[in-house]
Amino acid sequence: FTISRDNAKNTVYLQMCSLKPEDTAVYYCNADRDIGSHW
């Protein structure tokens, strides 16, 4: 897996390769800073 960000697009990406059955899950994005988090 590779995480990346494009701040100009205000977007975060997750490139997932060689996926396995055990990768099956609900995937959540989280933004975190000192004043709080968002999900």
PDB file of all heavy atoms in Angstrom:
ATOM      1  N   PHE A   1       0.839  -1.199   0.000  1.00  0.00           N
ATOM      2  CA  PHE A   1       0.000   0.000   0.000  1.00  0.00           C
ATOM      3  C   PHE A   1       0.872   1.246   0.000  1.00  0.00           C
ATOM      4  O   PHE A   1       1.960   1.255   0.588  1.00  0.00           O
ATOM      5  CB  PHE A   1      -0.898   0.046   1.232  1.00  0.00           C
ATOM      6  CG  PHE A   1      -1.988  -0.995   1.279  1.00  0.00           C
ATOM      7  CD1 PHE A   1      -2.065  -2.015   0.345  1.00  0.00           C
ATOM      8  CD2 PHE A   1      -2.950  -0.938   2.276  1.00  0.00           C
ATOM      9  CE1 PHE A   1      -3.064  -2.974   0.397  1.00  0.00           C
ATOM     10  CE2 PHE A   1      -3.954  -1.882   2.343  1.00  0.00           C
ATOM     11  CZ  PHE A   1      -4.010  -2.903   1.403  1.00  0.00           C
ATOM     12  N   THR A   2       0.372   2.298  -0.619  1.00  0.00           N
ATOM     13  CA  THR A   2       1.061   3.577  -0.646  1.00  0.00           C
ATOM     14  C   THR A   2       0.076   4.696  -0.345  1.00  0.00           C
ATOM     15  O   THR A   2      -0.944   4.822  -1.026  1.00  0.00           O
ATOM     16  CB  THR A   2       1.725   3.835  -2.005  1.00  0.00           C
ATOM     17  OG1 THR A   2       2.638   2.781  -2.315  1.00  0.00           O
ATOM     18  CG2 THR A   2       2.495   5.157  -1.971  1.00  0.00           C
ATOM     19  N   ILE A   3       0.387   5.487   0.665  1.00  0.00           N
ATOM     20  CA  ILE A   3      -0.417   6.652   0.989  1.00  0.00           C
ATOM     21  C   ILE A   3       0.243   7.882   0.385  1.00  0.00           C
ATOM     22  O   ILE A   3       1.474   8.008   0.387  1.00  0.00           O
ATOM     23  CB  ILE A   3      -0.599   6.803   2.515  1.00  0.00           C
ATOM     24  CG1 ILE A   3      -1.572   7.934   2.846  1.00  0.00           C
ATOM     25  CG2 ILE A   3       0.734   7.007   3.225  1.00  0.00           C
ATOM     26  CD1 ILE A   3      -1.949   7.994   4.322  1.00  0.00           C
ATOM     27  N   SER A   4      -0.557   8.764  -0.152  1.00  0.00           N
ATOM     28  CA  SER A   4      -0.038   9.989  -0.734  1.00  0.00           C
ATOM     29  C   SER A   4      -1.059  11.104  -0.546  1.00  0.00           C
ATOM     30  O   SER A   4      -2.208  10.856  -0.185  1.00  0.00           O
ATOM     31  CB  SER A   4       0.300   9.802  -2.221  1.00  0.00           C
ATOM     32  OG  SER A   4      -0.857   9.469  -2.970  1.00  0.00           O
ATOM     33  N   ARG A   5      -0.615  12.312  -0.795  1.00  0.00           N
ATOM     34  CA  ARG A   5      -1.520  13.440  -0.658  1.00  0.00           C
ATOM     35  C   ARG A   5      -1.269  14.453  -1.760  1.00  0.00           C
ATOM     36  O   ARG A   5      -0.150  14.613  -2.248  1.00  0.00           O
ATOM     37  CB  ARG A   5      -1.382  14.094   0.725  1.00  0.00           C
ATOM     38  CG  ARG A   5      -0.020  14.725   1.005  1.00  0.00           C
ATOM     39  CD  ARG A   5       0.162  14.998   2.492  1.00  0.00           C
ATOM     40  NE  ARG A   5      -0.871  15.884   3.016  1.00  0.00           N
ATOM     41  CZ  ARG A   5      -1.183  15.997   4.301  1.00  0.00           C
ATOM     42  NH1 ARG A   5      -0.533  15.279   5.210  1.00  0.00           N
ATOM     43  NH2 ARG A   5      -2.135  16.830   4.681  1.00  0.00           N
ATOM     44  N   ASP A   6      -2.328  15.130  -2.143  1.00  0.00           N
ATOM     45  CA  ASP A   6      -2.262  16.220  -3.090  1.00  0.00           C
ATOM     46  C   ASP A   6      -2.975  17.386  -2.427  1.00  0.00           C
ATOM     47  O   ASP A   6      -4.197  17.498  -2.492  1.00  0.00           O
ATOM     48  CB  ASP A   6      -2.913  15.844  -4.414  1.00  0.00           C
ATOM     49  CG  ASP A   6      -2.713  16.901  -5.486  1.00  0.00           C
ATOM     50  OD1 ASP A   6      -2.441  18.063  -5.154  1.00  0.00           O
ATOM     51  OD2 ASP A   6      -2.833  16.554  -6.681  1.00  0.00           O
ATOM     52  N   ASN A   7      -2.203  18.233  -1.780  1.00  0.00           N
ATOM     53  CA  ASN A   7      -2.804  19.329  -1.023  1.00  0.00           C
ATOM     54  C   ASN A   7      -3.540  20.314  -1.924  1.00  0.00           C
ATOM     55  O   ASN A   7      -4.520  20.934  -1.497  1.00  0.00           O
ATOM     56  CB  ASN A   7      -1.731  20.054  -0.213  1.00  0.00           C
ATOM     57  CG  ASN A   7      -1.211  19.229   0.945  1.00  0.00           C
ATOM     58  OD1 ASN A   7      -1.913  18.361   1.471  1.00  0.00           O
ATOM     59  ND2 ASN A   7       0.015  19.492   1.354  1.00  0.00           N
ATOM     60  N   ALA A   8      -3.084  20.464  -3.159  1.00  0.00           N
ATOM     61  CA  ALA A   8      -3.768  21.357  -4.084  1.00  0.00           C
ATOM     62  C   ALA A   8      -5.182  20.881  -4.377  1.00  0.00           C
ATOM     63  O   ALA A   8      -6.076  21.689  -4.641  1.00  0.00           O
ATOM     64  CB  ALA A   8      -2.975  21.492  -5.378  1.00  0.00           C
ATOM     65  N   LYS A   9      -5.382  19.563  -4.350  1.00  0.00           N
ATOM     66  CA  LYS A   9      -6.705  18.986  -4.564  1.00  0.00           C
ATOM     67  C   LYS A   9      -7.417  18.669  -3.259  1.00  0.00           C
ATOM     68  O   LYS A   9      -8.541  18.157  -3.283  1.00  0.00           O
ATOM     69  CB  LYS A   9      -6.601  17.715  -5.405  1.00  0.00           C
ATOM     70  CG  LYS A   9      -6.087  17.943  -6.809  1.00  0.00           C
ATOM     71  CD  LYS A   9      -6.027  16.638  -7.582  1.00  0.00           C
ATOM     72  CE  LYS A   9      -5.554  16.862  -9.001  1.00  0.00           C
ATOM     73  NZ  LYS A   9      -5.466  15.595  -9.772  1.00  0.00           N
ATOM     74  N   ASN A  10      -6.756  18.955  -2.134  1.00  0.00           N
ATOM     75  CA  ASN A  10      -7.322  18.670  -0.817  1.00  0.00           C
ATOM     76  C   ASN A  10      -7.732  17.207  -0.699  1.00  0.00           C
ATOM     77  O   ASN A  10      -8.799  16.874  -0.163  1.00  0.00           O
ATOM     78  CB  ASN A  10      -8.514  19.584  -0.529  1.00  0.00           C
ATOM     79  CG  ASN A  10      -8.467  20.198   0.859  1.00  0.00           C
ATOM     80  OD1 ASN A  10      -7.399  20.391   1.438  1.00  0.00           O
ATOM     81  ND2 ASN A  10      -9.638  20.505   1.406  1.00  0.00           N
ATOM     82  N   THR A  11      -6.860  16.341  -1.187  1.00  0.00           N
ATOM     83  CA  THR A  11      -7.178  14.933  -1.319  1.00  0.00           C
ATOM     84  C   THR A  11      -6.031  14.065  -0.825  1.00  0.00           C
ATOM     85  O   THR A  11      -4.862  14.390  -1.032  1.00  0.00           O
ATOM     86  CB  THR A  11      -7.485  14.582  -2.782  1.00  0.00           C
ATOM     87  OG1 THR A  11      -8.588  15.371  -3.243  1.00  0.00           O
ATOM     88  CG2 THR A  11      -7.843  13.115  -2.933  1.00  0.00           C
ATOM     89  N   VAL A  12      -6.387  12.970  -0.193  1.00  0.00           N
ATOM     90  CA  VAL A  12      -5.446  11.940   0.213  1.00  0.00           C
ATOM     91  C   VAL A  12      -5.805  10.659  -0.519  1.00  0.00           C
ATOM     92  O   VAL A  12      -6.989  10.352  -0.697  1.00  0.00           O
ATOM     93  CB  VAL A  12      -5.472  11.726   1.734  1.00  0.00           C
ATOM     94  CG1 VAL A  12      -4.554  10.579   2.134  1.00  0.00           C
ATOM     95  CG2 VAL A  12      -5.062  12.998   2.449  1.00  0.00           C
ATOM     96  N   TYR A  13      -4.787   9.918  -0.918  1.00  0.00           N
ATOM     97  CA  TYR A  13      -4.983   8.697  -1.678  1.00  0.00           C
ATOM     98  C   TYR A  13      -4.393   7.503  -0.953  1.00  0.00           C
ATOM     99  O   TYR A  13      -3.462   7.625  -0.150  1.00  0.00           O
ATOM    100  CB  TYR A  13      -4.324   8.792  -3.049  1.00  0.00           C
ATOM    101  CG  TYR A  13      -4.799   9.947  -3.890  1.00  0.00           C
ATOM    102  CD1 TYR A  13      -4.067  11.129  -3.949  1.00  0.00           C
ATOM    103  CD2 TYR A  13      -5.978   9.861  -4.623  1.00  0.00           C
ATOM    104  CE1 TYR A  13      -4.494  12.194  -4.715  1.00  0.00           C
ATOM    105  CE2 TYR A  13      -6.413  10.924  -5.395  1.00  0.00           C
ATOM    106  CZ  TYR A  13      -5.663  12.083  -5.440  1.00  0.00           C
ATOM    107  OH  TYR A  13      -6.088  13.141  -6.206  1.00  0.00           O
ATOM    108  N   LEU A  14      -4.934   6.361  -1.261  1.00  0.00           N
ATOM    109  CA  LEU A  14      -4.360   5.099  -0.826  1.00  0.00           C
ATOM    110  C   LEU A  14      -4.329   4.164  -2.026  1.00  0.00           C
ATOM    111  O   LEU A  14      -5.379   3.730  -2.503  1.00  0.00           O
ATOM    112  CB  LEU A  14      -5.167   4.474   0.306  1.00  0.00           C
ATOM    113  CG  LEU A  14      -4.619   3.147   0.825  1.00  0.00           C
ATOM    114  CD1 LEU A  14      -3.312   3.369   1.579  1.00  0.00           C
ATOM    115  CD2 LEU A  14      -5.643   2.449   1.718  1.00  0.00           C
ATOM    116  N   GLN A  15      -3.132   3.889  -2.512  1.00  0.00           N
ATOM    117  CA  GLN A  15      -2.959   2.927  -3.593  1.00  0.00           C
ATOM    118  C   GLN A  15      -2.745   1.556  -2.974  1.00  0.00           C
ATOM    119  O   GLN A  15      -1.793   1.364  -2.216  1.00  0.00           O
ATOM    120  CB  GLN A  15      -1.781   3.305  -4.476  1.00  0.00           C
ATOM    121  CG  GLN A  15      -1.539   2.347  -5.636  1.00  0.00           C
ATOM    122  CD  GLN A  15      -2.673   2.336  -6.634  1.00  0.00           C
ATOM    123  OE1 GLN A  15      -3.076   3.380  -7.129  1.00  0.00           O
ATOM    124  NE2 GLN A  15      -3.184   1.149  -6.926  1.00  0.00           N
ATOM    125  N   MET A  16      -3.610   0.630  -3.303  1.00  0.00           N
ATOM    126  CA  MET A  16      -3.590  -0.704  -2.730  1.00  0.00           C
ATOM    127  C   MET A  16      -3.267  -1.701  -3.830  1.00  0.00           C
ATOM    128  O   MET A  16      -4.007  -1.818  -4.805  1.00  0.00           O
ATOM    129  CB  MET A  16      -4.938  -1.040  -2.095  1.00  0.00           C
ATOM    130  CG  MET A  16      -5.448   0.034  -1.141  1.00  0.00           C
ATOM    131  SD  MET A  16      -7.203  -0.165  -0.729  1.00  0.00           S
ATOM    132  CE  MET A  16      -7.143  -1.674   0.224  1.00  0.00           C
ATOM    133  N   CYS A  17      -2.177  -2.417  -3.670  1.00  0.00           N
ATOM    134  CA  CYS A  17      -1.739  -3.404  -4.646  1.00  0.00           C
ATOM    135  C   CYS A  17      -1.582  -4.755  -3.965  1.00  0.00           C
ATOM    136  O   CYS A  17      -1.471  -4.847  -2.745  1.00  0.00           O
ATOM    137  CB  CYS A  17      -0.426  -2.992  -5.297  1.00  0.00           C
ATOM    138  SG  CYS A  17      -0.479  -1.437  -6.198  1.00  0.00           S
ATOM    139  N   SER A  18      -1.540  -5.795  -4.791  1.00  0.00           N
ATOM    140  CA  SER A  18      -1.373  -7.162  -4.294  1.00  0.00           C
ATOM    141  C   SER A  18      -2.342  -7.460  -3.164  1.00  0.00           C
ATOM    142  O   SER A  18      -1.969  -7.976  -2.106  1.00  0.00           O
ATOM    143  CB  SER A  18       0.074  -7.382  -3.837  1.00  0.00           C
ATOM    144  OG  SER A  18       0.979  -7.164  -4.895  1.00  0.00           O
ATOM    145  N   LEU A  19      -3.583  -7.156  -3.396  1.00  0.00           N
ATOM    146  CA  LEU A  19      -4.584  -7.280  -2.348  1.00  0.00           C
ATOM    147  C   LEU A  19      -4.812  -8.737  -1.957  1.00  0.00           C
ATOM    148  O   LEU A  19      -4.776  -9.640  -2.800  1.00  0.00           O
ATOM    149  CB  LEU A  19      -5.890  -6.637  -2.788  1.00  0.00           C
ATOM    150  CG  LEU A  19      -5.885  -5.113  -2.721  1.00  0.00           C
ATOM    151  CD1 LEU A  19      -6.992  -4.529  -3.579  1.00  0.00           C
ATOM    152  CD2 LEU A  19      -6.032  -4.654  -1.276  1.00  0.00           C
ATOM    153  N   LYS A  20      -5.050  -8.922  -0.680  1.00  0.00           N
ATOM    154  CA  LYS A  20      -5.280 -10.236  -0.101  1.00  0.00           C
ATOM    155  C   LYS A  20      -6.670 -10.289   0.511  1.00  0.00           C
ATOM    156  O   LYS A  20      -7.219  -9.257   0.893  1.00  0.00           O
ATOM    157  CB  LYS A  20      -4.241 -10.529   0.990  1.00  0.00           C
ATOM    158  CG  LYS A  20      -2.795 -10.406   0.549  1.00  0.00           C
ATOM    159  CD  LYS A  20      -1.860 -10.569   1.728  1.00  0.00           C
ATOM    160  CE  LYS A  20      -0.410 -10.426   1.317  1.00  0.00           C
ATOM    161  NZ  LYS A  20       0.491 -10.559   2.485  1.00  0.00           N
ATOM    162  N   PRO A  21      -7.241 -11.475   0.637  1.00  0.00           N
ATOM    163  CA  PRO A  21      -8.553 -11.567   1.281  1.00  0.00           C
ATOM    164  C   PRO A  21      -8.584 -10.941   2.668  1.00  0.00           C
ATOM    165  O   PRO A  21      -9.615 -10.369   3.059  1.00  0.00           O
ATOM    166  CB  PRO A  21      -8.809 -13.073   1.341  1.00  0.00           C
ATOM    167  CG  PRO A  21      -8.061 -13.614   0.171  1.00  0.00           C
ATOM    168  CD  PRO A  21      -6.814 -12.766   0.085  1.00  0.00           C
ATOM    169  N   GLU A  22      -7.493 -11.026   3.411  1.00  0.00           N
ATOM    170  CA  GLU A  22      -7.454 -10.444   4.743  1.00  0.00           C
ATOM    171  C   GLU A  22      -7.445  -8.920   4.741  1.00  0.00           C
ATOM    172  O   GLU A  22      -7.533  -8.298   5.797  1.00  0.00           O
ATOM    173  CB  GLU A  22      -6.257 -10.975   5.544  1.00  0.00           C
ATOM    174  CG  GLU A  22      -4.927 -10.851   4.831  1.00  0.00           C
ATOM    175  CD  GLU A  22      -4.516 -12.138   4.134  1.00  0.00           C
ATOM    176  OE1 GLU A  22      -5.374 -12.767   3.475  1.00  0.00           O
ATOM    177  OE2 GLU A  22      -3.336 -12.517   4.245  1.00  0.00           O
ATOM    178  N   ASP A  23      -7.324  -8.306   3.570  1.00  0.00           N
ATOM    179  CA  ASP A  23      -7.460  -6.861   3.459  1.00  0.00           C
ATOM    180  C   ASP A  23      -8.916  -6.414   3.453  1.00  0.00           C
ATOM    181  O   ASP A  23      -9.185  -5.211   3.491  1.00  0.00           O
ATOM    182  CB  ASP A  23      -6.778  -6.340   2.191  1.00  0.00           C
ATOM    183  CG  ASP A  23      -5.272  -6.524   2.212  1.00  0.00           C
ATOM    184  OD1 ASP A  23      -4.658  -6.293   3.276  1.00  0.00           O
ATOM    185  OD2 ASP A  23      -4.709  -6.886   1.159  1.00  0.00           O
ATOM    186  N   THR A  24      -9.831  -7.356   3.376  1.00  0.00           N
ATOM    187  CA  THR A  24     -11.252  -7.024   3.373  1.00  0.00           C
ATOM    188  C   THR A  24     -11.613  -6.283   4.653  1.00  0.00           C
ATOM    189  O   THR A  24     -11.396  -6.783   5.754  1.00  0.00           O
ATOM    190  CB  THR A  24     -12.101  -8.286   3.234  1.00  0.00           C
ATOM    191  OG1 THR A  24     -11.845  -8.894   1.968  1.00  0.00           O
ATOM    192  CG2 THR A  24     -13.582  -7.957   3.341  1.00  0.00           C
ATOM    193  N   ALA A  25     -12.160  -5.094   4.507  1.00  0.00           N
ATOM    194  CA  ALA A  25     -12.480  -4.255   5.658  1.00  0.00           C
ATOM    195  C   ALA A  25     -13.193  -3.003   5.175  1.00  0.00           C
ATOM    196  O   ALA A  25     -13.222  -2.704   3.981  1.00  0.00           O
ATOM    197  CB  ALA A  25     -11.209  -3.866   6.425  1.00  0.00           C
ATOM    198  N   VAL A  26     -13.737  -2.273   6.133  1.00  0.00           N
ATOM    199  CA  VAL A  26     -14.181  -0.917   5.876  1.00  0.00           C
ATOM    200  C   VAL A  26     -12.993   0.004   6.106  1.00  0.00           C
ATOM    201  O   VAL A  26     -12.360  -0.043   7.160  1.00  0.00           O
ATOM    202  CB  VAL A  26     -15.361  -0.518   6.779  1.00  0.00           C
ATOM    203  CG1 VAL A  26     -15.771   0.931   6.524  1.00  0.00           C
ATOM    204  CG2 VAL A  26     -16.548  -1.444   6.540  1.00  0.00           C
ATOM    205  N   TYR A  27     -12.686   0.825   5.132  1.00  0.00           N
ATOM    206  CA  TYR A  27     -11.527   1.713   5.179  1.00  0.00           C
ATOM    207  C   TYR A  27     -11.979   3.127   5.479  1.00  0.00           C
ATOM    208  O   TYR A  27     -12.890   3.655   4.835  1.00  0.00           O
ATOM    209  CB  TYR A  27     -10.764   1.658   3.860  1.00  0.00           C
ATOM    210  CG  TYR A  27      -9.948   0.398   3.709  1.00  0.00           C
ATOM    211  CD1 TYR A  27     -10.568  -0.828   3.514  1.00  0.00           C
ATOM    212  CD2 TYR A  27      -8.561   0.435   3.779  1.00  0.00           C
ATOM    213  CE1 TYR A  27      -9.825  -1.994   3.400  1.00  0.00           C
ATOM    214  CE2 TYR A  27      -7.809  -0.716   3.662  1.00  0.00           C
ATOM    215  CZ  TYR A  27      -8.448  -1.931   3.472  1.00  0.00           C
ATOM    216  OH  TYR A  27      -7.696  -3.075   3.356  1.00  0.00           O
ATOM    217  N   TYR A  28     -11.313   3.748   6.455  1.00  0.00           N
ATOM    218  CA  TYR A  28     -11.671   5.073   6.929  1.00  0.00           C
ATOM    219  C   TYR A  28     -10.522   6.050   6.749  1.00  0.00           C
ATOM    220  O   TYR A  28      -9.374   5.744   7.084  1.00  0.00           O
ATOM    221  CB  TYR A  28     -12.031   5.050   8.416  1.00  0.00           C
ATOM    222  CG  TYR A  28     -13.229   4.203   8.759  1.00  0.00           C
ATOM    223  CD1 TYR A  28     -13.079   2.869   9.114  1.00  0.00           C
ATOM    224  CD2 TYR A  28     -14.511   4.742   8.743  1.00  0.00           C
ATOM    225  CE1 TYR A  28     -14.173   2.092   9.446  1.00  0.00           C
ATOM    226  CE2 TYR A  28     -15.605   3.966   9.075  1.00  0.00           C
ATOM    227  CZ  TYR A  28     -15.435   2.644   9.425  1.00  0.00           C
ATOM    228  OH  TYR A  28     -16.520   1.876   9.757  1.00  0.00           O
ATOM    229  N   CYS A  29     -10.844   7.217   6.280  1.00  0.00           N
ATOM    230  CA  CYS A  29      -9.914   8.327   6.187  1.00  0.00           C
ATOM    231  C   CYS A  29     -10.027   9.187   7.439  1.00  0.00           C
ATOM    232  O   CYS A  29     -11.133   9.437   7.930  1.00  0.00           O
ATOM    233  CB  CYS A  29     -10.233   9.152   4.936  1.00  0.00           C
ATOM    234  SG  CYS A  29      -9.225  10.623   4.688  1.00  0.00           S
ATOM    235  N   ASN A  30      -8.900   9.625   7.957  1.00  0.00           N
ATOM    236  CA  ASN A  30      -8.866  10.432   9.167  1.00  0.00           C
ATOM    237  C   ASN A  30      -7.900  11.596   8.986  1.00  0.00           C
ATOM    238  O   ASN A  30      -6.778  11.408   8.521  1.00  0.00           O
ATOM    239  CB  ASN A  30      -8.441   9.574  10.364  1.00  0.00           C
ATOM    240  CG  ASN A  30      -8.098  10.396  11.585  1.00  0.00           C
ATOM    241  OD1 ASN A  30      -6.925  10.637  11.875  1.00  0.00           O
ATOM    242  ND2 ASN A  30      -9.123  10.808  12.328  1.00  0.00           N
ATOM    243  N   ALA A  31      -8.353  12.783   9.351  1.00  0.00           N
ATOM    244  CA  ALA A  31      -7.523  13.984   9.361  1.00  0.00           C
ATOM    245  C   ALA A  31      -7.324  14.406  10.796  1.00  0.00           C
ATOM    246  O   ALA A  31      -8.298  14.572  11.537  1.00  0.00           O
ATOM    247  CB  ALA A  31      -8.181  15.107   8.555  1.00  0.00           C
ATOM    248  N   ASP A  32      -6.076  14.597  11.192  1.00  0.00           N
ATOM    249  CA  ASP A  32      -5.773  14.825  12.601  1.00  0.00           C
ATOM    250  C   ASP A  32      -4.853  16.025  12.773  1.00  0.00           C
ATOM    251  O   ASP A  32      -3.866  16.170  12.046  1.00  0.00           O
ATOM    252  CB  ASP A  32      -5.124  13.584  13.204  1.00  0.00           C
ATOM    253  CG  ASP A  32      -4.865  13.728  14.680  1.00  0.00           C
ATOM    254  OD1 ASP A  32      -5.819  13.683  15.463  1.00  0.00           O
ATOM    255  OD2 ASP A  32      -3.678  13.887  15.053  1.00  0.00           O
ATOM    256  N   ARG A  33      -5.183  16.867  13.730  1.00  0.00           N
ATOM    257  CA  ARG A  33      -4.317  17.946  14.157  1.00  0.00           C
ATOM    258  C   ARG A  33      -4.602  18.243  15.619  1.00  0.00           C
ATOM    259  O   ARG A  33      -5.492  17.634  16.227  1.00  0.00           O
ATOM    260  CB  ARG A  33      -4.479  19.193  13.293  1.00  0.00           C
ATOM    261  CG  ARG A  33      -5.866  19.796  13.296  1.00  0.00           C
ATOM    262  CD  ARG A  33      -5.914  21.085  12.502  1.00  0.00           C
ATOM    263  NE  ARG A  33      -5.057  22.111  13.078  1.00  0.00           N
ATOM    264  CZ  ARG A  33      -5.065  23.386  12.714  1.00  0.00           C
ATOM    265  NH1 ARG A  33      -5.885  23.803  11.762  1.00  0.00           N
ATOM    266  NH2 ARG A  33      -4.245  24.246  13.284  1.00  0.00           N
ATOM    267  N   ASP A  34      -3.858  19.186  16.181  1.00  0.00           N
ATOM    268  CA  ASP A  34      -3.926  19.429  17.612  1.00  0.00           C
ATOM    269  C   ASP A  34      -5.315  19.825  18.099  1.00  0.00           C
ATOM    270  O   ASP A  34      -5.699  19.497  19.231  1.00  0.00           O
ATOM    271  CB  ASP A  34      -2.892  20.473  18.033  1.00  0.00           C
ATOM    272  CG  ASP A  34      -3.009  21.777  17.260  1.00  0.00           C
ATOM    273  OD1 ASP A  34      -3.753  21.844  16.265  1.00  0.00           O
ATOM    274  OD2 ASP A  34      -2.332  22.739  17.663  1.00  0.00           O
ATOM    275  N   ILE A  35      -6.080  20.506  17.266  1.00  0.00           N
ATOM    276  CA  ILE A  35      -7.386  20.984  17.704  1.00  0.00           C
ATOM    277  C   ILE A  35      -8.513  19.992  17.465  1.00  0.00           C
ATOM    278  O   ILE A  35      -9.657  20.253  17.845  1.00  0.00           O
ATOM    279  CB  ILE A  35      -7.739  22.327  17.045  1.00  0.00           C
ATOM    280  CG1 ILE A  35      -7.827  22.194  15.527  1.00  0.00           C
ATOM    281  CG2 ILE A  35      -6.730  23.395  17.454  1.00  0.00           C
ATOM    282  CD1 ILE A  35      -8.366  23.431  14.844  1.00  0.00           C
ATOM    283  N   GLY A  36      -8.205  18.861  16.849  1.00  0.00           N
ATOM    284  CA  GLY A  36      -9.240  17.868  16.652  1.00  0.00           C
ATOM    285  C   GLY A  36      -9.020  16.990  15.447  1.00  0.00           C
ATOM    286  O   GLY A  36      -8.092  17.195  14.662  1.00  0.00           O
ATOM    287  N   SER A  37      -9.894  16.008  15.310  1.00  0.00           N
ATOM    288  CA  SER A  37      -9.834  15.054  14.213  1.00  0.00           C
ATOM    289  C   SER A  37     -11.149  15.022  13.454  1.00  0.00           C
ATOM    290  O   SER A  37     -12.202  15.354  13.985  1.00  0.00           O
ATOM    291  CB  SER A  37      -9.535  13.646  14.730  1.00  0.00           C
ATOM    292  OG  SER A  37      -8.193  13.512  15.120  1.00  0.00           O
ATOM    293  N   HIS A  38     -11.057  14.574  12.208  1.00  0.00           N
ATOM    294  CA  HIS A  38     -12.226  14.386  11.374  1.00  0.00           C
ATOM    295  C   HIS A  38     -12.137  13.030  10.703  1.00  0.00           C
ATOM    296  O   HIS A  38     -11.046  12.555  10.378  1.00  0.00           O
ATOM    297  CB  HIS A  38     -12.328  15.490  10.317  1.00  0.00           C
ATOM    298  CG  HIS A  38     -12.326  16.864  10.890  1.00  0.00           C
ATOM    299  ND1 HIS A  38     -13.451  17.435  11.453  1.00  0.00           N
ATOM    300  CD2 HIS A  38     -11.336  17.780  11.009  1.00  0.00           C
ATOM    301  CE1 HIS A  38     -13.153  18.652  11.883  1.00  0.00           C
ATOM    302  NE2 HIS A  38     -11.880  18.887  11.628  1.00  0.00           N
ATOM    303  N   TRP A  39     -13.288  12.445  10.496  1.00  0.00           N
ATOM    304  CA  TRP A  39     -13.368  11.093   9.942  1.00  0.00           C
ATOM    305  C   TRP A  39     -14.232  11.050   8.705  1.00  0.00           C
ATOM    306  O   TRP A  39     -15.254  11.741   8.607  1.00  0.00           O
ATOM    307  CB  TRP A  39     -13.952  10.128  10.968  1.00  0.00           C
ATOM    308  CG  TRP A  39     -13.041   9.837  12.106  1.00  0.00           C
ATOM    309  CD1 TRP A  39     -12.901  10.560  13.249  1.00  0.00           C
ATOM    310  CD2 TRP A  39     -12.148   8.731  12.213  1.00  0.00           C
ATOM    311  NE1 TRP A  39     -11.963   9.971  14.067  1.00  0.00           N
ATOM    312  CE2 TRP A  39     -11.491   8.853  13.462  1.00  0.00           C
ATOM    313  CE3 TRP A  39     -11.837   7.655  11.385  1.00  0.00           C
ATOM    314  CZ2 TRP A  39     -10.541   7.924  13.889  1.00  0.00           C
ATOM    315  CZ3 TRP A  39     -10.897   6.736  11.805  1.00  0.00           C
ATOM    316  CH2 TRP A  39     -10.263   6.875  13.047  1.00  0.00           C
TER     317      TRP A  39
END
